[in-house]
């Protein structure tokens, strides 16, 4: 997995990993894959548009909190969670909430899932 922070000038790769092509993943949301090879631990890539995230803060939200919430949301997608239906949203929301509650407990913040109120 790689995380890329993007600004208007250029993309800044944190760790480069090739994008997967023709890869079949037959797992249920939340299950961890059982890789055959070391490279199969790469679940995909997360790209964060930092300017867009900064604009979404609206002055009263902490930029780093929103960045953390957005990265957590992306990680849930890499683990197979989606929010196309209300049932899928409920499952993804619960996982996001679980992860963010633990992060909040450890950092003293009050992070809320990105997908709250979607349905």
Foldseek 3Di string as FASTA:
>chain_A
DWEWEDEPPGIDTPDDDDADDPDDDPDAQPDQDDDPDPSVNDLGYHYDDLVVLVVVCVPVRDSVLSVVLSVLLVVSVSSPQDPPDPVSLVVSQVSSCVVVVVVCVVPVHDHHHPCPPVD
